[in-house]
């Protein structure tokens, strides 16, 4: 009969202990063959074991009522009445440790160890824990060593001994004991996995032994794996162990084995699925990661995190509509999931649903403090809407936030977007200064070189610097039609017309589809060269591609 069954039997048999059960009998109701007295008769005196069970039950009742001192007294008496019951001893001393009263457990354990050799190593190991909590490490070490002598494969004793040595800064002795544990005969997979974990931990704590610790851990894990354990707990332990040593393939293998058996334990099953999803993502197995996450959602459709990760996977696969659905559902389930606001806004931006993107960012602004992403994405949405004034406002706010604690956000692309918006609203000096910031961070940012160079060429200022910047961009991408057009225009402004004409012809050659601006520029260059017919032909070609009143005026034709 288990201890729980014994408790139940005692409580039922002695309802008076609980103050429940049968109502008190009157003297006339007492059977004639039973002595009418409240104390036990000599012939009916219970055995020490029965008395022990009763006192244990008293302790449980007191514990349930919050009377811990009374409970501990009852438990102590229960052990004293049946000092040979190892299960009782371990149960009671564990309760004392949980109550943070190791001093109450100490005499029970020391008495048991001194009186009986029939107890297993579990009692010595428990004594080691008590000594540890009492701040007596040397005695704790001795107790754990005694436990190991009795039960060489008692994992908890090895774990406690390892910790005792580390607490005493005895790293060499800790390693020595681990090496001894690794050679214990008859070790099962669970024990080997446990010692492997200690080796991995040792390698992390003692940097000089990192390689050795990882190597020994892997050796033991492979030995454990070769035993083909079917126990789910052991399979999970092996998965965690292989993860510690960086063996992703075997980590996945043992998580998959464990998952196959986790039909009833739904929380643990979803935890394993989550770990597998993460591993699949790390190994770029997006299909299986998606499969795991969708399985989680089938069992728990309210899992916001699974929706969020699936949204990111769909976004990366350019399935924007699906990504938007996942992100929106994640936010519905958990409105405090801040990153989902920004990912949804970015997705809506890609779908050209600009008003919805701004509404999502407005919700984030109501719930959270101003952040770089909040302000930056707001700026990007306004750029797409060609509202450059508001774009600059939000970019400026983003820069202020970043300067206060996220300076890594202030990248060359950020300054490029800001400079481009400044140029669009005519704040040209600020735009030039911001482009220069961009180029200081990324001297080979060719798009910025081209944009700043062309801006100066349009203004007719800093023409030599403009040409230098654009030439660097062209050198990087010799067939980029936009860069070649910028170079031709800068040369045109410098009065270097033959060179400008050559650059513009090359730009037109590589433009796909044809660009009306290039033919407009070509016409201006021919006009400057005095080649009027060629100029008219170029402008006419520009008009064919895209109607433009300014070019009609160059041709002397009235606007429609």
Protein backbone atom coordinates (compact mmCIF):
# COMPACT_ATOMS: atom_id res chain seq x y z
CA UNK A 1 0.00 0.00 0.00
CA UNK A 2 1.41 3.39 -1.00
CA UNK A 3 1.75 6.26 1.46
CA UNK A 4 -1.18 8.12 -0.15
CA UNK A 5 -3.34 4.98 0.24
CA UNK A 6 -2.23 4.63 3.85
CA UNK A 7 -3.17 8.23 4.56
CA UNK A 8 -6.57 7.74 3.00
CA UNK A 9 -7.09 4.52 5.00
CA UNK A 10 -6.08 6.19 8.25
CA UNK A 11 -8.33 9.20 7.67
CA UNK A 12 -11.30 6.98 6.82
CA UNK A 13 -10.71 4.54 9.62
CA UNK A 14 -10.29 7.29 12.21
CA UNK A 15 -12.83 9.92 11.18
CA UNK A 16 -12.58 11.36 14.69
CA UNK A 17 -9.13 12.70 13.72
CA UNK A 18 -10.76 14.97 11.19
CA UNK A 19 -13.71 15.91 13.32
CA UNK A 20 -15.86 14.36 10.60
CA UNK A 21 -17.13 10.91 9.83
CA UNK A 22 -19.76 9.21 12.02
CA UNK A 23 -21.60 11.23 14.65
CA UNK A 24 -20.58 10.58 18.27
CA UNK A 25 -22.42 7.50 19.58
CA UNK A 26 -24.36 7.58 22.81
CA UNK A 27 -23.49 4.96 25.46
CA UNK A 28 -26.59 2.92 24.56
CA UNK A 29 -25.39 2.71 20.92
CA UNK A 30 -22.07 1.09 21.78
CA UNK A 31 -21.98 -2.60 20.87
CA UNK A 32 -21.96 -4.89 23.90
CA UNK A 33 -18.86 -6.78 22.76
CA UNK A 34 -16.72 -3.58 22.54
CA UNK A 35 -15.43 -1.94 25.74
CA UNK A 36 -17.15 1.41 26.24
CA UNK A 37 -14.02 3.55 26.60
CA UNK A 38 -12.25 6.14 24.53
CA UNK A 39 -8.67 4.88 24.95
CA UNK A 40 -7.27 1.91 23.16
CA UNK A 41 -7.67 -1.34 25.02
CA UNK A 42 -4.61 -3.46 25.52
CA UNK A 43 -5.87 -6.07 23.15
CA UNK A 44 -6.53 -3.45 20.49
CA UNK A 45 -3.40 -1.31 20.77
CA UNK A 46 -2.33 -0.46 17.21
CA UNK A 47 1.08 -1.38 15.84
CA UNK A 48 3.87 1.22 15.70
CA UNK A 49 3.35 1.37 11.95
CA UNK A 50 -0.36 2.17 12.36
CA UNK A 51 0.43 4.80 14.97
CA UNK A 52 3.04 6.25 12.63
CA UNK A 53 0.49 6.47 9.84
CA UNK A 54 -1.98 8.18 12.14
CA UNK A 55 0.56 10.76 13.26
CA UNK A 56 1.55 11.33 9.62
CA UNK A 57 -2.12 11.95 8.81
CA UNK A 58 -2.28 14.40 11.73
CA UNK A 59 0.66 16.20 10.16
CA UNK A 60 -1.05 16.39 6.78
CA UNK A 61 -4.19 17.85 8.34
CA UNK A 62 -2.19 20.45 10.29
CA UNK A 63 -0.28 21.29 7.13
CA UNK A 64 -3.53 21.83 5.23
CA UNK A 65 -4.69 24.17 8.01
CA UNK A 66 -1.44 26.16 7.86
CA UNK A 67 -0.23 25.00 11.28
CA UNK A 68 3.32 24.17 10.23
CA UNK A 69 4.86 23.82 13.68
CA UNK A 70 2.16 21.33 14.66
CA UNK A 71 2.63 19.55 11.34
CA UNK A 72 6.39 19.24 11.79
CA UNK A 73 5.94 17.87 15.34
CA UNK A 74 3.48 15.26 14.05
CA UNK A 75 5.78 14.26 11.17
CA UNK A 76 8.75 13.95 13.55
CA UNK A 77 6.72 11.68 15.82
CA UNK A 78 5.63 9.61 12.83
CA UNK A 79 9.27 8.91 11.91
CA UNK A 80 10.15 8.13 15.53
CA UNK A 81 7.33 5.58 15.72
CA UNK A 82 8.53 3.77 12.60
CA UNK A 83 12.23 4.60 12.12
CA UNK A 84 12.74 1.82 9.56
CA UNK A 85 10.31 3.27 7.00
CA UNK A 86 12.63 4.87 4.40
CA UNK A 87 9.76 6.19 2.29
CA UNK A 88 8.33 7.99 5.32
CA UNK A 89 11.73 9.36 6.29
CA UNK A 90 12.36 10.77 2.80
CA UNK A 91 8.86 12.21 2.57
CA UNK A 92 9.08 13.98 5.94
CA UNK A 93 12.59 15.36 5.46
CA UNK A 94 11.65 16.67 2.02
CA UNK A 95 8.75 18.54 3.64
CA UNK A 96 11.10 20.06 6.19
CA UNK A 97 13.40 21.23 3.40
CA UNK A 98 10.42 22.73 1.58
CA UNK A 99 9.45 24.51 4.82
CA UNK A 100 13.04 25.85 4.94
CA UNK A 101 13.69 24.05 8.22
CA UNK A 102 16.62 21.76 7.41
CA UNK A 103 17.55 21.68 11.09
CA UNK A 104 14.38 19.63 11.76
CA UNK A 105 15.43 17.09 9.12
CA UNK A 106 19.02 16.74 10.33
CA UNK A 107 18.52 14.59 13.49
CA UNK A 108 16.09 12.29 11.67
CA UNK A 109 18.60 11.61 8.90
CA UNK A 110 21.71 11.33 11.06
CA UNK A 111 19.87 8.94 13.39
CA UNK A 112 18.73 6.84 10.44
CA UNK A 113 22.20 6.67 8.89
CA UNK A 114 23.83 5.70 12.20
CA UNK A 115 21.22 3.06 13.12
CA UNK A 116 20.61 1.21 9.92
CA UNK A 117 22.65 0.06 6.98
CA UNK A 118 19.56 -1.12 5.15
CA UNK A 119 18.67 2.35 3.91
CA UNK A 120 19.47 3.16 0.31
CA UNK A 121 21.82 5.87 -0.85
CA UNK A 122 18.81 8.20 -1.14
CA UNK A 123 18.93 8.80 2.61
CA UNK A 124 22.64 9.73 2.53
CA UNK A 125 22.00 11.97 -0.47
CA UNK A 126 19.16 13.70 1.40
CA UNK A 127 21.49 14.20 4.33
CA UNK A 128 23.96 15.81 1.92
CA UNK A 129 21.27 18.28 0.83
CA UNK A 130 20.50 19.13 4.46
CA UNK A 131 24.18 19.72 5.25
CA UNK A 132 24.44 21.94 2.17
CA UNK A 133 21.50 24.06 3.30
CA UNK A 134 22.97 24.29 6.79
CA UNK A 135 26.25 25.62 5.38
CA UNK A 136 28.33 22.52 6.20
CA UNK A 137 29.90 21.68 2.83
CA UNK A 138 32.50 19.17 4.06
CA UNK A 139 29.82 17.05 5.72
CA UNK A 140 27.65 17.43 2.62
CA UNK A 141 30.50 16.06 0.49
CA UNK A 142 30.98 13.10 2.84
CA UNK A 143 27.25 12.31 2.82
CA UNK A 144 27.05 12.38 -0.98
CA UNK A 145 30.14 10.22 -1.26
CA UNK A 146 28.50 7.70 1.08
CA UNK A 147 25.38 7.75 -1.09
CA UNK A 148 27.47 7.02 -4.19
CA UNK A 149 29.23 4.13 -2.49
CA UNK A 150 25.84 2.58 -1.75
CA UNK A 151 24.30 3.42 -5.13
CA UNK A 152 26.93 4.22 -7.77
CA UNK A 153 24.24 5.18 -10.30
CA UNK A 154 22.35 7.54 -7.99
CA UNK A 155 22.39 10.61 -10.23
CA UNK A 156 21.16 13.08 -7.60
CA UNK A 157 24.13 12.23 -5.35
CA UNK A 158 26.60 12.87 -8.19
CA UNK A 159 24.87 16.15 -9.02
CA UNK A 160 24.95 17.31 -5.41
CA UNK A 161 28.58 16.26 -4.97
CA UNK A 162 29.53 18.20 -8.10
CA UNK A 163 27.82 21.33 -6.77
CA UNK A 164 29.46 20.90 -3.36
CA UNK A 165 32.92 20.86 -4.92
CA UNK A 166 32.19 23.92 -7.06
CA UNK A 167 30.87 25.80 -4.03
CA UNK A 168 34.17 25.01 -2.30
CA UNK A 169 36.07 26.14 -5.43
CA UNK A 170 37.40 22.61 -5.85
CA UNK A 171 37.14 22.54 -9.66
CA UNK A 172 39.78 19.83 -10.09
CA UNK A 173 38.04 17.54 -7.62
CA UNK A 174 34.70 18.21 -9.31
CA UNK A 175 36.18 17.12 -12.65
CA UNK A 176 37.80 14.07 -11.03
CA UNK A 177 34.45 12.96 -9.64
CA UNK A 178 32.73 13.50 -12.98
CA UNK A 179 35.32 11.33 -14.71
CA UNK A 180 34.69 8.62 -12.11
CA UNK A 181 30.94 8.90 -12.62
CA UNK A 182 31.39 8.52 -16.38
CA UNK A 183 32.88 5.05 -15.86
CA UNK A 184 30.25 3.66 -13.47
CA UNK A 185 29.15 0.19 -14.51
CA UNK A 186 25.53 -0.53 -15.32
CA UNK A 187 24.63 3.09 -16.02
CA UNK A 188 21.38 3.63 -17.90
CA UNK A 189 20.66 6.32 -20.48
CA UNK A 190 19.15 8.71 -17.92
CA UNK A 191 22.26 8.56 -15.73
CA UNK A 192 24.62 9.04 -18.68
CA UNK A 193 22.61 12.01 -19.93
CA UNK A 194 22.70 13.55 -16.44
CA UNK A 195 26.48 13.23 -16.14
CA UNK A 196 26.84 14.59 -19.69
CA UNK A 197 24.92 17.68 -18.61
CA UNK A 198 27.34 18.18 -15.72
CA UNK A 199 30.33 17.92 -18.08
CA UNK A 200 28.77 20.53 -20.37
CA UNK A 201 28.12 22.76 -17.39
CA UNK A 202 31.69 22.31 -16.19
CA UNK A 203 32.99 23.38 -19.60
CA UNK A 204 30.97 26.59 -19.39
CA UNK A 205 32.06 27.39 -15.83
CA UNK A 206 35.75 26.61 -16.36
CA UNK A 207 36.73 28.17 -19.72
CA UNK A 208 40.05 26.30 -19.86
CA UNK A 209 38.09 23.03 -19.83
CA UNK A 210 35.42 24.07 -22.31
CA UNK A 211 36.58 21.83 -25.15
CA UNK A 212 37.13 18.86 -22.83
CA UNK A 213 33.78 19.33 -21.11
CA UNK A 214 31.91 19.53 -24.42
CA UNK A 215 33.78 16.52 -25.79
CA UNK A 216 33.09 14.31 -22.74
CA UNK A 217 29.46 15.42 -22.67
CA UNK A 218 29.03 14.45 -26.31
CA UNK A 219 30.68 11.04 -25.74
CA UNK A 220 28.31 10.22 -22.89
CA UNK A 221 25.28 11.43 -24.80
CA UNK A 222 26.19 9.19 -27.72
CA UNK A 223 26.55 6.24 -25.33
CA UNK A 224 23.12 7.05 -23.91
CA UNK A 225 21.63 7.36 -27.39
CA UNK A 226 23.03 3.95 -28.34
CA UNK A 227 20.89 2.45 -25.52
CA UNK A 228 17.80 3.58 -27.47
CA UNK A 229 15.83 4.80 -24.45
CA UNK A 230 12.04 4.66 -24.77
CA UNK A 231 11.32 6.73 -21.67
CA UNK A 232 10.00 10.13 -22.76
CA UNK A 233 11.70 11.98 -19.90
CA UNK A 234 15.06 10.49 -20.87
CA UNK A 235 14.52 11.33 -24.53
CA UNK A 236 13.83 14.94 -23.58
CA UNK A 237 16.94 14.98 -21.42
CA UNK A 238 19.00 13.69 -24.35
CA UNK A 239 17.51 16.33 -26.62
CA UNK A 240 18.51 19.07 -24.18
CA UNK A 241 21.95 17.53 -23.79
CA UNK A 242 22.64 17.37 -27.52
CA UNK A 243 21.41 20.94 -27.77
CA UNK A 244 23.98 21.98 -25.15
CA UNK A 245 26.82 20.46 -27.19
CA UNK A 246 25.56 21.97 -30.44
CA UNK A 247 24.42 18.75 -32.12
CA UNK A 248 21.27 20.11 -33.74
CA UNK A 249 20.54 16.99 -35.78
CA UNK A 250 20.35 14.71 -32.74
CA UNK A 251 18.56 17.37 -30.73
CA UNK A 252 15.79 17.36 -33.32
CA UNK A 253 15.81 13.55 -33.48
CA UNK A 254 15.18 13.09 -29.75
CA UNK A 255 12.61 15.89 -29.54
CA UNK A 256 10.76 14.15 -32.39
CA UNK A 257 10.91 10.82 -30.55
CA UNK A 258 9.55 12.38 -27.38
CA UNK A 259 6.86 14.27 -29.28
CA UNK A 260 5.47 11.04 -30.70
CA UNK A 261 4.63 9.87 -27.16
CA UNK A 262 3.26 13.13 -25.76
CA UNK A 263 -0.41 12.59 -26.58
CA UNK A 264 -1.87 13.32 -23.15
CA UNK A 265 0.49 15.97 -21.80
CA UNK A 266 -0.66 18.86 -23.99
CA UNK A 267 1.41 21.66 -22.32
CA UNK A 268 4.61 19.62 -22.62
CA UNK A 269 3.74 18.60 -26.18
CA UNK A 270 3.35 22.23 -27.22
CA UNK A 271 6.57 23.15 -25.43
CA UNK A 272 8.41 20.49 -27.45
CA UNK A 273 6.73 21.67 -30.65
CA UNK A 274 7.90 25.20 -29.87
CA UNK A 275 11.47 23.99 -29.38
CA UNK A 276 11.32 22.04 -32.62
CA UNK A 277 9.94 25.04 -34.48
CA UNK A 278 12.84 27.12 -33.19
CA UNK A 279 15.35 24.46 -34.24
CA UNK A 280 13.80 24.18 -37.71
CA UNK A 281 14.02 27.95 -38.07
CA UNK A 282 17.68 27.89 -37.05
CA UNK A 283 18.37 25.18 -39.64
CA UNK A 284 16.32 27.10 -42.25
CA UNK A 285 13.80 24.29 -42.52
CA UNK A 286 10.93 26.72 -42.90
CA UNK A 287 8.40 24.12 -44.03
CA UNK A 288 8.76 21.99 -40.91
CA UNK A 289 8.85 25.04 -38.68
CA UNK A 290 5.54 26.11 -40.20
CA UNK A 291 4.18 22.60 -39.70
CA UNK A 292 5.06 22.67 -35.98
CA UNK A 293 3.59 26.12 -35.42
CA UNK A 294 0.37 25.27 -37.25
CA UNK A 295 0.08 22.12 -35.12
CA UNK A 296 0.34 24.33 -32.03
CA UNK A 297 -2.44 26.54 -33.36
CA UNK A 298 -4.69 23.56 -34.07
CA UNK A 299 -4.55 22.66 -30.39
CA UNK A 300 -4.44 26.25 -29.15
CA UNK A 301 -5.80 28.81 -31.63
CA UNK A 302 -5.28 31.53 -28.99
CA UNK A 303 -1.49 31.20 -29.05
CA UNK A 304 -0.39 34.72 -29.98
CA UNK A 305 3.30 33.88 -30.25
CA UNK A 306 2.71 31.08 -32.77
CA UNK A 307 0.62 33.46 -34.89
CA UNK A 308 3.37 36.05 -34.67
CA UNK A 309 6.12 33.67 -35.82
CA UNK A 310 3.96 32.32 -38.63
CA UNK A 311 3.38 35.90 -39.71
CA UNK A 312 7.11 36.44 -39.99
CA UNK A 313 7.51 33.23 -41.99
CA UNK A 314 4.76 34.26 -44.37
CA UNK A 315 6.31 37.74 -44.70
CA UNK A 316 9.70 36.26 -45.57
CA UNK A 317 8.00 34.09 -48.18
CA UNK A 318 6.38 37.26 -49.59
CA UNK A 319 2.89 35.96 -48.77
CA UNK A 320 1.82 39.38 -47.55
CA UNK A 321 -1.91 38.79 -47.28
CA UNK A 322 -1.33 35.71 -45.14
CA UNK A 323 1.28 37.51 -43.06
CA UNK A 324 -1.17 40.32 -42.38
CA UNK A 325 -3.76 37.79 -41.18
CA UNK A 326 -1.31 36.16 -38.76
CA UNK A 327 -0.05 39.47 -37.37
CA UNK A 328 -3.57 40.84 -36.96
CA UNK A 329 -4.63 37.68 -35.10
CA UNK A 330 -1.55 37.86 -32.87
CA UNK A 331 -2.48 41.44 -31.93
CA UNK A 332 -6.09 40.50 -31.32
CA UNK A 333 -4.94 37.80 -28.90
CA UNK A 334 -2.23 39.90 -27.30
CA UNK A 335 -2.50 43.66 -27.89
CA UNK A 336 0.65 44.16 -25.77
CA UNK A 337 2.80 42.29 -28.29
CA UNK A 338 4.63 45.39 -29.46
CA UNK A 339 6.75 43.92 -32.30
CA UNK A 340 3.59 42.61 -33.97
CA UNK A 341 2.36 46.18 -34.43
CA UNK A 342 5.44 47.10 -36.41
CA UNK A 343 5.52 43.88 -38.42
CA UNK A 344 1.85 44.29 -39.31
CA UNK A 345 2.44 47.93 -40.32
CA UNK A 346 5.35 46.90 -42.53
CA UNK A 347 3.24 44.16 -44.12
CA UNK A 348 0.41 46.59 -44.80
CA UNK A 349 2.97 48.97 -46.27
CA UNK A 350 4.03 46.26 -48.72
CA UNK A 351 0.36 45.71 -49.57
CA UNK A 352 0.05 49.46 -50.25
CA UNK A 353 -2.62 49.70 -47.56
CA UNK A 354 -1.14 52.92 -46.25
CA UNK A 355 -4.10 54.08 -44.17
CA UNK A 356 -4.28 50.70 -42.41
CA UNK A 357 -0.55 50.83 -41.75
CA UNK A 358 -0.87 54.27 -40.15
CA UNK A 359 -3.86 53.07 -38.08
CA UNK A 360 -1.79 50.16 -36.77
CA UNK A 361 1.06 52.50 -35.83
CA UNK A 362 -1.41 54.83 -34.15
CA UNK A 363 -2.57 51.91 -31.97
CA UNK A 364 1.04 51.23 -31.04
CA UNK A 365 1.50 54.91 -30.18
CA UNK A 366 -1.46 54.71 -27.79
CA UNK A 367 -0.12 51.63 -26.02
CA UNK A 368 3.65 52.10 -25.93
CA UNK A 369 6.27 54.76 -25.43
CA UNK A 370 7.74 56.32 -28.55
CA UNK A 371 10.28 54.04 -30.19
CA UNK A 372 12.55 54.24 -33.21
CA UNK A 373 10.54 51.70 -35.21
CA UNK A 374 7.27 53.42 -34.41
CA UNK A 375 8.52 56.77 -35.74
CA UNK A 376 10.64 55.41 -38.59
CA UNK A 377 7.87 53.26 -40.05
CA UNK A 378 5.49 56.20 -39.79
CA UNK A 379 7.98 58.18 -41.86
CA UNK A 380 8.27 55.43 -44.46
CA UNK A 381 4.47 55.23 -44.85
CA UNK A 382 4.33 58.99 -45.45
CA UNK A 383 7.11 58.71 -48.02
CA UNK A 384 5.00 56.14 -49.88
CA UNK A 385 2.07 58.54 -49.72
CA UNK A 386 4.36 61.28 -51.06
CA UNK A 387 3.72 63.30 -47.90
CA UNK A 388 7.37 64.26 -47.51
CA UNK A 389 6.77 66.97 -44.92
CA UNK A 390 5.30 64.50 -42.44
CA UNK A 391 7.91 61.93 -43.42
CA UNK A 392 10.64 64.35 -42.33
CA UNK A 393 8.78 65.02 -39.08
CA UNK A 394 8.65 61.34 -38.17
CA UNK A 395 12.24 60.68 -39.27
CA UNK A 396 13.37 63.54 -37.02
CA UNK A 397 11.44 62.01 -34.10
CA UNK A 398 13.02 58.62 -34.84
CA UNK A 399 16.50 60.15 -34.77
CA UNK A 400 15.84 61.82 -31.41
CA UNK A 401 14.63 58.53 -29.89
CA UNK A 402 17.63 56.66 -31.28
CA UNK A 403 20.11 59.22 -29.97
CA UNK A 404 18.67 58.66 -26.48
CA UNK A 405 19.50 54.96 -26.42
CA UNK A 406 19.36 53.16 -29.75
CA UNK A 407 22.20 54.79 -31.67
CA UNK A 408 22.75 51.56 -33.60
CA UNK A 409 19.51 52.37 -35.42
CA UNK A 410 21.05 55.44 -37.02
CA UNK A 411 22.33 53.65 -40.09
CA UNK A 412 23.28 54.84 -43.54
CA UNK A 413 19.91 53.73 -45.02
CA UNK A 414 18.08 55.71 -42.33
CA UNK A 415 19.96 58.89 -43.22
CA UNK A 416 19.44 58.20 -46.93
CA UNK A 417 15.66 58.06 -46.49
CA UNK A 418 15.72 61.23 -44.39
CA UNK A 419 17.89 63.10 -46.89
CA UNK A 420 15.69 62.07 -49.81
CA UNK A 421 12.60 63.37 -48.00
CA UNK A 422 14.37 66.65 -47.19
CA UNK A 423 15.32 67.07 -50.84
CA UNK A 424 11.72 66.52 -51.92
CA UNK A 425 10.48 69.44 -49.79
CA UNK A 426 13.28 71.74 -50.95
CA UNK A 427 15.39 71.76 -47.80
CA UNK A 428 18.44 71.18 -49.96
CA UNK A 429 21.21 72.24 -47.59
CA UNK A 430 19.83 69.93 -44.87
CA UNK A 431 19.45 67.18 -47.44
CA UNK A 432 23.09 67.54 -48.52
CA UNK A 433 24.31 67.47 -44.89
CA UNK A 434 22.23 64.36 -44.21
CA UNK A 435 23.52 62.61 -47.35
CA UNK A 436 27.03 63.39 -46.09
CA UNK A 437 26.18 61.67 -42.78
CA UNK A 438 25.02 58.68 -44.77
CA UNK A 439 28.27 58.56 -46.73
CA UNK A 440 30.36 58.94 -43.59
CA UNK A 441 28.76 55.75 -42.26
CA UNK A 442 28.91 53.96 -45.63
CA UNK A 443 31.42 55.55 -48.03
CA UNK A 444 30.46 53.08 -50.78
CA UNK A 445 26.70 53.67 -50.54
CA UNK A 446 26.33 54.09 -54.30
CA UNK A 447 22.68 55.13 -54.29
CA UNK A 448 23.51 57.98 -51.91
CA UNK A 449 26.51 59.00 -54.05
CA UNK A 450 24.27 59.18 -57.09
CA UNK A 451 21.40 60.98 -55.34
CA UNK A 452 23.62 63.69 -53.81
CA UNK A 453 25.63 64.09 -57.00
CA UNK A 454 22.50 64.49 -59.12
CA UNK A 455 20.95 66.91 -56.61
CA UNK A 456 24.02 69.14 -56.84
CA UNK A 457 24.08 68.83 -60.64
CA UNK A 458 20.44 69.97 -60.78
CA UNK A 459 21.33 72.94 -58.58
CA UNK A 460 24.48 73.63 -60.55
CA UNK A 461 26.57 73.66 -57.35
CA UNK A 462 29.51 71.57 -56.15
CA UNK A 463 29.73 70.20 -59.69
CA UNK A 464 33.22 68.73 -59.43
CA UNK A 465 32.34 66.94 -56.18
CA UNK A 466 29.06 65.86 -57.79
CA UNK A 467 30.89 64.35 -60.75
CA UNK A 468 33.34 62.58 -58.41
CA UNK A 469 30.53 60.99 -56.40
CA UNK A 470 28.58 59.89 -59.45
CA UNK A 471 31.66 58.42 -61.11
CA UNK A 472 32.19 56.26 -58.02
CA UNK A 473 28.63 54.99 -58.32
CA UNK A 474 29.08 54.28 -62.05
CA UNK A 475 32.34 52.48 -61.41
CA UNK A 476 30.48 50.17 -59.03
CA UNK A 477 27.56 49.61 -61.45
CA UNK A 478 28.70 50.46 -65.00
CA UNK A 479 25.37 49.46 -66.58
CA UNK A 480 23.11 51.33 -64.19
CA UNK A 481 21.08 53.65 -66.41
CA UNK A 482 20.17 56.03 -63.56
CA UNK A 483 23.81 56.47 -62.56
CA UNK A 484 24.89 57.03 -66.17
CA UNK A 485 22.13 59.64 -66.61
CA UNK A 486 23.35 61.45 -63.47
CA UNK A 487 26.91 61.41 -64.81
CA UNK A 488 25.77 62.75 -68.18
CA UNK A 489 23.83 65.52 -66.50
CA UNK A 490 26.74 66.54 -64.25
CA UNK A 491 29.07 66.62 -67.29
CA UNK A 492 26.45 68.69 -69.13
CA UNK A 493 26.38 71.22 -66.27
CA UNK A 494 30.18 71.29 -66.30
CA UNK A 495 30.08 72.12 -70.04
CA UNK A 496 31.78 68.86 -71.01
CA UNK A 497 29.24 68.16 -73.75
CA UNK A 498 30.86 65.35 -75.79
CA UNK A 499 31.49 63.37 -72.59
CA UNK A 500 27.94 64.14 -71.47
CA UNK A 501 26.53 62.91 -74.80
CA UNK A 502 28.47 59.64 -74.55
CA UNK A 503 27.29 58.99 -70.98
CA UNK A 504 23.68 59.72 -71.96
CA UNK A 505 23.76 57.33 -74.93
CA UNK A 506 25.06 54.62 -72.60
CA UNK A 507 22.27 55.38 -70.12
CA UNK A 508 19.64 55.00 -72.86
CA UNK A 509 21.28 51.76 -73.99
CA UNK A 510 20.88 50.15 -70.57
CA UNK A 511 17.50 51.63 -69.62
CA UNK A 512 14.76 49.02 -69.52
CA UNK A 513 12.05 50.11 -70.03
CA UNK A 514 12.90 53.33 -71.87
CA UNK A 515 12.97 56.37 -69.57
CA UNK A 516 11.47 59.69 -70.82
CA UNK A 517 13.84 61.70 -68.58
CA UNK A 518 16.88 60.27 -70.37
CA UNK A 519 15.60 61.39 -73.78
CA UNK A 520 14.75 64.81 -72.33
CA UNK A 521 18.35 65.15 -71.09
CA UNK A 522 19.67 63.85 -74.41
CA UNK A 523 17.70 66.54 -76.23
CA UNK A 524 19.13 69.27 -73.96
CA UNK A 525 22.68 68.06 -74.65
CA UNK A 526 22.09 68.01 -78.44
CA UNK A 527 20.57 71.50 -78.18
CA UNK A 528 23.67 72.75 -76.34
CA UNK A 529 25.82 71.23 -79.06
CA UNK A 530 23.80 73.09 -81.71
CA UNK A 531 22.30 69.85 -83.04
CA UNK A 532 18.71 71.06 -83.24
CA UNK A 533 17.21 68.20 -85.24
CA UNK A 534 18.77 65.61 -82.96
CA UNK A 535 17.47 67.56 -79.98
CA UNK A 536 13.91 67.62 -81.40
CA UNK A 537 14.06 63.91 -82.16
CA UNK A 538 15.12 63.13 -78.60
CA UNK A 539 12.38 65.32 -77.07
CA UNK A 540 9.81 63.80 -79.38
CA UNK A 541 10.83 60.33 -78.20
CA UNK A 542 10.44 61.46 -74.59
CA UNK A 543 6.89 62.67 -75.33
CA UNK A 544 6.02 59.34 -76.93
CA UNK A 545 7.00 57.54 -73.75
CA UNK A 546 5.27 59.97 -71.38
CA UNK A 547 3.34 63.22 -72.08
CA UNK A 548 5.02 66.29 -70.58
CA UNK A 549 4.03 69.94 -71.05
CA UNK A 550 7.57 71.25 -70.41
CA UNK A 551 8.90 69.16 -73.29
CA UNK A 552 6.06 70.28 -75.57
CA UNK A 553 7.12 73.83 -74.90
CA UNK A 554 10.70 72.93 -75.89
CA UNK A 555 9.30 71.67 -79.17
CA UNK A 556 7.30 74.88 -79.58
CA UNK A 557 4.01 73.02 -79.39
CA UNK A 558 1.12 74.38 -77.30
CA UNK A 559 -0.02 72.43 -74.22
CA UNK A 560 -3.18 70.36 -74.91
